[in-house]
PDB file of N, CA and C in Angstrom:
ATOM      1  N   UNK A   1      33.775 -17.071 -49.863  1.00  0.00           N
ATOM      2  CA  UNK A   1      33.287 -16.088 -50.429  1.00  0.00           C
ATOM      3  C   UNK A   1      32.168 -15.303 -50.728  1.00  0.00           C
ATOM      4  N   UNK A   2      31.545 -14.541 -50.954  1.00  0.00           N
ATOM      5  CA  UNK A   2      30.047 -13.764 -50.682  1.00  0.00           C
ATOM      6  C   UNK A   2      29.509 -14.280 -51.565  1.00  0.00           C
ATOM      7  N   UNK A   3      27.863 -14.119 -50.906  1.00  0.00           N
ATOM      8  CA  UNK A   3      26.745 -13.861 -51.902  1.00  0.00           C
ATOM      9  C   UNK A   3      26.342 -13.095 -52.558  1.00  0.00           C
ATOM     10  N   UNK A   4      26.771 -11.522 -52.463  1.00  0.00           N
ATOM     11  CA  UNK A   4      26.705 -10.386 -52.918  1.00  0.00           C
ATOM     12  C   UNK A   4      25.347 -10.053 -51.883  1.00  0.00           C
ATOM     13  N   UNK A   5      25.196 -10.246 -50.741  1.00  0.00           N
ATOM     14  CA  UNK A   5      23.359 -10.174 -50.138  1.00  0.00           C
ATOM     15  C   UNK A   5      22.600 -11.170 -50.993  1.00  0.00           C
ATOM     16  N   UNK A   6      22.313 -12.096 -51.418  1.00  0.00           N
ATOM     17  CA  UNK A   6      21.524 -12.737 -51.752  1.00  0.00           C
ATOM     18  C   UNK A   6      21.316 -13.305 -50.644  1.00  0.00           C
ATOM     19  N   UNK A   7      21.506 -14.033 -49.708  1.00  0.00           N
ATOM     20  CA  UNK A   7      20.193 -13.959 -48.917  1.00  0.00           C
ATOM     21  C   UNK A   7      19.767 -13.264 -48.138  1.00  0.00           C
ATOM     22  N   UNK A   8      19.620 -11.954 -48.048  1.00  0.00           N
ATOM     23  CA  UNK A   8      19.184 -10.853 -47.875  1.00  0.00           C
ATOM     24  C   UNK A   8      18.132 -10.456 -48.609  1.00  0.00           C
ATOM     25  N   UNK A   9      17.538 -10.954 -49.662  1.00  0.00           N
ATOM     26  CA  UNK A   9      16.916 -10.168 -50.448  1.00  0.00           C
ATOM     27  C   UNK A   9      16.388 -10.971 -51.532  1.00  0.00           C
ATOM     28  N   UNK A  10      16.889 -12.562 -51.075  1.00  0.00           N
ATOM     29  CA  UNK A  10      15.867 -13.583 -51.961  1.00  0.00           C
ATOM     30  C   UNK A  10      15.527 -15.000 -50.841  1.00  0.00           C
ATOM     31  N   UNK A  11      14.270 -15.383 -51.358  1.00  0.00           N
ATOM     32  CA  UNK A  11      13.942 -16.452 -50.273  1.00  0.00           C
ATOM     33  C   UNK A  11      13.488 -18.254 -51.077  1.00  0.00           C
ATOM     34  N   UNK A  12      13.728 -18.916 -50.859  1.00  0.00           N
ATOM     35  CA  UNK A  12      13.322 -19.848 -51.573  1.00  0.00           C
ATOM     36  C   UNK A  12      11.937 -19.833 -50.834  1.00  0.00           C
ATOM     37  N   UNK A  13      11.178 -20.403 -52.521  1.00  0.00           N
ATOM     38  CA  UNK A  13       9.907 -20.658 -52.509  1.00  0.00           C
ATOM     39  C   UNK A  13       9.829 -21.050 -50.849  1.00  0.00           C
ATOM     40  N   UNK A  14       9.710 -22.194 -50.557  1.00  0.00           N
ATOM     41  CA  UNK A  14       9.598 -23.496 -49.241  1.00  0.00           C
ATOM     42  C   UNK A  14       9.633 -21.820 -48.277  1.00  0.00           C
ATOM     43  N   UNK A  15      10.443 -20.921 -48.261  1.00  0.00           N
ATOM     44  CA  UNK A  15      10.679 -20.592 -46.684  1.00  0.00           C
ATOM     45  C   UNK A  15       9.883 -19.160 -47.245  1.00  0.00           C
ATOM     46  N   UNK A  16       9.828 -19.032 -47.990  1.00  0.00           N
ATOM     47  CA  UNK A  16       8.659 -17.748 -48.134  1.00  0.00           C
ATOM     48  C   UNK A  16       6.964 -18.181 -47.355  1.00  0.00           C
ATOM     49  N   UNK A  17       6.487 -19.215 -48.447  1.00  0.00           N
ATOM     50  CA  UNK A  17       5.652 -19.994 -47.861  1.00  0.00           C
ATOM     51  C   UNK A  17       5.144 -20.366 -46.584  1.00  0.00           C
ATOM     52  N   UNK A  18       6.670 -20.931 -45.668  1.00  0.00           N
ATOM     53  CA  UNK A  18       6.587 -20.826 -43.947  1.00  0.00           C
ATOM     54  C   UNK A  18       5.863 -19.540 -43.512  1.00  0.00           C
ATOM     55  N   UNK A  19       7.105 -18.664 -44.110  1.00  0.00           N
ATOM     56  CA  UNK A  19       6.423 -17.205 -43.297  1.00  0.00           C
ATOM     57  C   UNK A  19       5.545 -16.295 -43.468  1.00  0.00           C
ATOM     58  N   UNK A  20       4.833 -17.020 -44.371  1.00  0.00           N
ATOM     59  CA  UNK A  20       2.601 -16.993 -45.085  1.00  0.00           C
ATOM     60  C   UNK A  20       1.898 -17.716 -43.797  1.00  0.00           C
ATOM     61  N   UNK A  21       2.204 -18.753 -43.770  1.00  0.00           N
ATOM     62  CA  UNK A  21       1.586 -19.783 -42.990  1.00  0.00           C
ATOM     63  C   UNK A  21       1.026 -20.384 -43.894  1.00  0.00           C
ATOM     64  N   UNK A  22       1.529 -20.735 -45.063  1.00  0.00           N
ATOM     65  CA  UNK A  22       0.708 -21.368 -46.664  1.00  0.00           C
ATOM     66  C   UNK A  22       1.337 -22.398 -46.558  1.00  0.00           C
ATOM     67  N   UNK A  23       0.967 -23.242 -48.022  1.00  0.00           N
ATOM     68  CA  UNK A  23       1.404 -24.387 -48.759  1.00  0.00           C
ATOM     69  C   UNK A  23       2.420 -23.891 -49.942  1.00  0.00           C
ATOM     70  N   UNK A  24       3.133 -24.866 -49.895  1.00  0.00           N
ATOM     71  CA  UNK A  24       4.592 -23.604 -50.996  1.00  0.00           C
ATOM     72  C   UNK A  24       3.371 -23.853 -52.304  1.00  0.00           C
ATOM     73  N   UNK A  25       2.757 -25.049 -52.678  1.00  0.00           N
ATOM     74  CA  UNK A  25       1.548 -24.812 -53.528  1.00  0.00           C
ATOM     75  C   UNK A  25       0.985 -23.992 -54.134  1.00  0.00           C
ATOM     76  N   UNK A  26       0.463 -23.709 -52.825  1.00  0.00           N
ATOM     77  CA  UNK A  26      -0.012 -22.225 -52.486  1.00  0.00           C
ATOM     78  C   UNK A  26      -0.150 -20.712 -53.420  1.00  0.00           C
ATOM     79  N   UNK A  27       2.036 -21.151 -53.075  1.00  0.00           N
ATOM     80  CA  UNK A  27       3.103 -20.160 -53.235  1.00  0.00           C
ATOM     81  C   UNK A  27       2.974 -19.780 -54.657  1.00  0.00           C
ATOM     82  N   UNK A  28       3.142 -21.289 -55.045  1.00  0.00           N
ATOM     83  CA  UNK A  28       3.215 -21.647 -56.911  1.00  0.00           C
ATOM     84  C   UNK A  28       1.798 -21.213 -57.516  1.00  0.00           C
ATOM     85  N   UNK A  29       0.771 -21.532 -56.979  1.00  0.00           N
ATOM     86  CA  UNK A  29      -0.333 -20.835 -57.688  1.00  0.00           C
ATOM     87  C   UNK A  29      -0.330 -18.811 -57.848  1.00  0.00           C
ATOM     88  N   UNK A  30      -0.042 -18.689 -56.186  1.00  0.00           N
ATOM     89  CA  UNK A  30       0.225 -17.288 -56.621  1.00  0.00           C
ATOM     90  C   UNK A  30       1.505 -16.704 -57.919  1.00  0.00           C
ATOM     91  N   UNK A  31       1.885 -17.732 -57.623  1.00  0.00           N
ATOM     92  CA  UNK A  31       2.990 -17.131 -59.082  1.00  0.00           C
ATOM     93  C   UNK A  31       1.949 -17.495 -59.918  1.00  0.00           C
ATOM     94  N   UNK A  32       1.524 -18.133 -60.288  1.00  0.00           N
ATOM     95  CA  UNK A  32       1.138 -18.010 -61.854  1.00  0.00           C
ATOM     96  C   UNK A  32      -0.527 -17.515 -61.969  1.00  0.00           C
ATOM     97  N   UNK A  33      -0.915 -16.141 -61.345  1.00  0.00           N
ATOM     98  CA  UNK A  33      -1.979 -15.654 -61.302  1.00  0.00           C
ATOM     99  C   UNK A  33      -1.189 -14.921 -62.438  1.00  0.00           C
ATOM    100  N   UNK A  34      -2.070 -13.714 -63.032  1.00  0.00           N
ATOM    101  CA  UNK A  34      -1.707 -12.655 -63.649  1.00  0.00           C
ATOM    102  C   UNK A  34      -1.697 -11.556 -62.658  1.00  0.00           C
ATOM    103  N   UNK A  35      -0.956 -11.183 -63.480  1.00  0.00           N
ATOM    104  CA  UNK A  35       0.420 -10.290 -62.328  1.00  0.00           C
ATOM    105  C   UNK A  35       1.125 -10.342 -61.138  1.00  0.00           C
ATOM    106  N   UNK A  36       0.858 -12.125 -60.884  1.00  0.00           N
ATOM    107  CA  UNK A  36       1.733 -12.863 -59.874  1.00  0.00           C
ATOM    108  C   UNK A  36       2.701 -12.599 -59.286  1.00  0.00           C
ATOM    109  N   UNK A  37       3.231 -13.196 -57.922  1.00  0.00           N
ATOM    110  CA  UNK A  37       3.966 -13.254 -57.456  1.00  0.00           C
ATOM    111  C   UNK A  37       5.241 -13.344 -58.213  1.00  0.00           C
ATOM    112  N   UNK A  38       6.299 -12.306 -57.606  1.00  0.00           N
ATOM    113  CA  UNK A  38       6.834 -11.843 -58.737  1.00  0.00           C
ATOM    114  C   UNK A  38       8.500 -13.877 -57.798  1.00  0.00           C
ATOM    115  N   UNK A  39       9.531 -13.573 -59.166  1.00  0.00           N
ATOM    116  CA  UNK A  39       9.810 -14.642 -58.574  1.00  0.00           C
ATOM    117  C   UNK A  39      11.365 -14.487 -59.253  1.00  0.00           C
ATOM    118  N   UNK A  40      12.203 -15.523 -59.697  1.00  0.00           N
ATOM    119  CA  UNK A  40      13.695 -15.927 -60.356  1.00  0.00           C
ATOM    120  C   UNK A  40      13.963 -17.425 -59.789  1.00  0.00           C
ATOM    121  N   UNK A  41      13.658 -18.005 -60.669  1.00  0.00           N
ATOM    122  CA  UNK A  41      14.841 -18.692 -60.882  1.00  0.00           C
ATOM    123  C   UNK A  41      15.854 -19.141 -61.078  1.00  0.00           C
ATOM    124  N   UNK A  42      16.629 -19.167 -60.223  1.00  0.00           N
ATOM    125  CA  UNK A  42      18.014 -19.596 -60.144  1.00  0.00           C
ATOM    126  C   UNK A  42      18.778 -20.794 -59.865  1.00  0.00           C
ATOM    127  N   UNK A  43      19.634 -21.718 -60.676  1.00  0.00           N
ATOM    128  CA  UNK A  43      20.078 -23.279 -60.843  1.00  0.00           C
ATOM    129  C   UNK A  43      19.412 -23.856 -60.475  1.00  0.00           C
ATOM    130  N   UNK A  44      17.741 -24.079 -61.184  1.00  0.00           N
ATOM    131  CA  UNK A  44      17.245 -24.818 -61.630  1.00  0.00           C
ATOM    132  C   UNK A  44      15.898 -24.807 -59.595  1.00  0.00           C
ATOM    133  N   UNK A  45      15.937 -23.710 -59.081  1.00  0.00           N
ATOM    134  CA  UNK A  45      15.097 -23.753 -57.409  1.00  0.00           C
ATOM    135  C   UNK A  45      14.778 -22.584 -58.118  1.00  0.00           C
ATOM    136  N   UNK A  46      13.669 -22.170 -57.020  1.00  0.00           N
ATOM    137  CA  UNK A  46      12.604 -21.180 -57.455  1.00  0.00           C
ATOM    138  C   UNK A  46      13.180 -20.207 -56.132  1.00  0.00           C
ATOM    139  N   UNK A  47      12.924 -18.679 -55.724  1.00  0.00           N
ATOM    140  CA  UNK A  47      13.347 -17.898 -55.554  1.00  0.00           C
ATOM    141  C   UNK A  47      12.499 -16.661 -55.206  1.00  0.00           C
ATOM    142  N   UNK A  48      11.978 -15.796 -53.832  1.00  0.00           N
ATOM    143  CA  UNK A  48      11.255 -15.337 -54.160  1.00  0.00           C
ATOM    144  C   UNK A  48      11.832 -13.883 -53.648  1.00  0.00           C
ATOM    145  N   UNK A  49      11.879 -12.348 -54.792  1.00  0.00           N
ATOM    146  CA  UNK A  49      12.536 -11.160 -54.191  1.00  0.00           C
ATOM    147  C   UNK A  49      11.714 -10.693 -52.453  1.00  0.00           C
ATOM    148  N   UNK A  50      12.470 -10.601 -51.796  1.00  0.00           N
ATOM    149  CA  UNK A  50      11.682 -10.277 -50.268  1.00  0.00           C
ATOM    150  C   UNK A  50      10.681  -9.254 -50.477  1.00  0.00           C
ATOM    151  N   UNK A  51      11.817  -8.292 -50.637  1.00  0.00           N
ATOM    152  CA  UNK A  51      11.367  -7.094 -50.991  1.00  0.00           C
ATOM    153  C   UNK A  51       9.736  -6.894 -51.705  1.00  0.00           C
ATOM    154  N   UNK A  52       9.587  -7.515 -53.126  1.00  0.00           N
ATOM    155  CA  UNK A  52       9.236  -7.425 -53.837  1.00  0.00           C
ATOM    156  C   UNK A  52       7.417  -8.157 -53.693  1.00  0.00           C
ATOM    157  N   UNK A  53       8.257  -9.493 -52.964  1.00  0.00           N
ATOM    158  CA  UNK A  53       7.037 -11.028 -52.534  1.00  0.00           C
ATOM    159  C   UNK A  53       6.214  -9.863 -50.906  1.00  0.00           C
ATOM    160  N   UNK A  54       6.623  -9.111 -50.226  1.00  0.00           N
ATOM    161  CA  UNK A  54       5.857  -8.968 -49.688  1.00  0.00           C
ATOM    162  C   UNK A  54       4.784  -8.161 -49.713  1.00  0.00           C
ATOM    163  N   UNK A  55       5.827  -6.392 -50.907  1.00  0.00           N
ATOM    164  CA  UNK A  55       4.700  -5.526 -51.401  1.00  0.00           C
ATOM    165  C   UNK A  55       4.088  -6.413 -52.489  1.00  0.00           C
ATOM    166  N   UNK A  56       3.523  -7.601 -52.817  1.00  0.00           N
ATOM    167  CA  UNK A  56       2.930  -7.933 -53.555  1.00  0.00           C
ATOM    168  C   UNK A  56       1.986  -8.287 -52.614  1.00  0.00           C
ATOM    169  N   UNK A  57       2.059  -9.437 -52.004  1.00  0.00           N
ATOM    170  CA  UNK A  57       1.508  -9.159 -50.408  1.00  0.00           C
ATOM    171  C   UNK A  57       0.249  -7.987 -49.615  1.00  0.00           C
ATOM    172  N   UNK A  58       0.645  -7.564 -50.250  1.00  0.00           N
ATOM    173  CA  UNK A  58       0.155  -6.727 -49.208  1.00  0.00           C
ATOM    174  C   UNK A  58      -0.723  -5.621 -49.541  1.00  0.00           C
ATOM    175  N   UNK A  59      -0.189  -5.336 -51.572  1.00  0.00           N
ATOM    176  CA  UNK A  59      -1.594  -5.617 -52.021  1.00  0.00           C
ATOM    177  C   UNK A  59      -2.582  -5.886 -52.125  1.00  0.00           C
ATOM    178  N   UNK A  60      -2.610  -7.170 -51.730  1.00  0.00           N
ATOM    179  CA  UNK A  60      -3.851  -7.832 -51.576  1.00  0.00           C
ATOM    180  C   UNK A  60      -4.523  -7.632 -50.606  1.00  0.00           C
ATOM    181  N   UNK A  61      -4.258  -6.558 -49.578  1.00  0.00           N
ATOM    182  CA  UNK A  61      -5.408  -6.917 -48.516  1.00  0.00           C
ATOM    183  C   UNK A  61      -5.401  -6.425 -48.883  1.00  0.00           C
ATOM    184  N   UNK A  62      -7.713  -6.728 -48.197  1.00  0.00           N
ATOM    185  CA  UNK A  62      -8.671  -6.223 -48.478  1.00  0.00           C
ATOM    186  C   UNK A  62      -9.526  -5.221 -47.580  1.00  0.00           C
ATOM    187  N   UNK A  63      -9.579  -3.927 -48.236  1.00  0.00           N
ATOM    188  CA  UNK A  63     -10.616  -2.831 -47.028  1.00  0.00           C
ATOM    189  C   UNK A  63     -12.042  -3.061 -47.242  1.00  0.00           C
ATOM    190  N   UNK A  64     -12.742  -3.457 -46.874  1.00  0.00           N
ATOM    191  CA  UNK A  64     -14.369  -3.234 -47.180  1.00  0.00           C
ATOM    192  C   UNK A  64     -14.615  -1.817 -46.520  1.00  0.00           C
ATOM    193  N   UNK A  65     -16.098  -1.571 -47.521  1.00  0.00           N
ATOM    194  CA  UNK A  65     -16.508  -0.720 -47.557  1.00  0.00           C
ATOM    195  C   UNK A  65     -16.633   0.177 -45.866  1.00  0.00           C
ATOM    196  N   UNK A  66     -16.201   1.889 -46.200  1.00  0.00           N
ATOM    197  CA  UNK A  66     -16.592   2.036 -44.287  1.00  0.00           C
ATOM    198  C   UNK A  66     -18.154   2.478 -44.213  1.00  0.00           C
ATOM    199  N   UNK A  67     -18.253   2.336 -42.789  1.00  0.00           N
ATOM    200  CA  UNK A  67     -20.197   2.412 -42.605  1.00  0.00           C
ATOM    201  C   UNK A  67     -20.671   3.401 -42.987  1.00  0.00           C
ATOM    202  N   UNK A  68     -21.168   3.427 -43.339  1.00  0.00           N
ATOM    203  CA  UNK A  68     -22.227   4.835 -43.883  1.00  0.00           C
ATOM    204  C   UNK A  68     -22.295   5.556 -42.219  1.00  0.00           C
ATOM    205  N   UNK A  69     -22.342   6.188 -42.366  1.00  0.00           N
ATOM    206  CA  UNK A  69     -23.198   7.168 -41.390  1.00  0.00           C
ATOM    207  C   UNK A  69     -24.157   8.010 -41.367  1.00  0.00           C
ATOM    208  N   UNK A  70     -25.219   7.940 -40.819  1.00  0.00           N
ATOM    209  CA  UNK A  70     -26.861   8.061 -41.692  1.00  0.00           C
ATOM    210  C   UNK A  70     -26.672  10.053 -41.511  1.00  0.00           C
ATOM    211  N   UNK A  71     -27.236  10.450 -42.446  1.00  0.00           N
ATOM    212  CA  UNK A  71     -28.090  11.956 -42.112  1.00  0.00           C
ATOM    213  C   UNK A  71     -29.208  12.311 -41.583  1.00  0.00           C
ATOM    214  N   UNK A  72     -28.135  13.565 -41.002  1.00  0.00           N
ATOM    215  CA  UNK A  72     -29.614  14.074 -40.118  1.00  0.00           C
ATOM    216  C   UNK A  72     -30.228  15.037 -40.725  1.00  0.00           C
TER     217      UNK A  72
END
């Protein structure tokens, strides 16, 4: 029986947390934020869409202001 690529597109929440190196409760908090981490509930279990989940994490990257070069 084929799983239509489900395992290539979705990851259980605990596995996603392990990939990020955080506790599963942290991922749960990310889901609860406004515009939080996307997820799907299938069969009572929570799965993270891998592509969208990683894009969500990338949008959280903080880039500090560049150092100003003094005017001469």
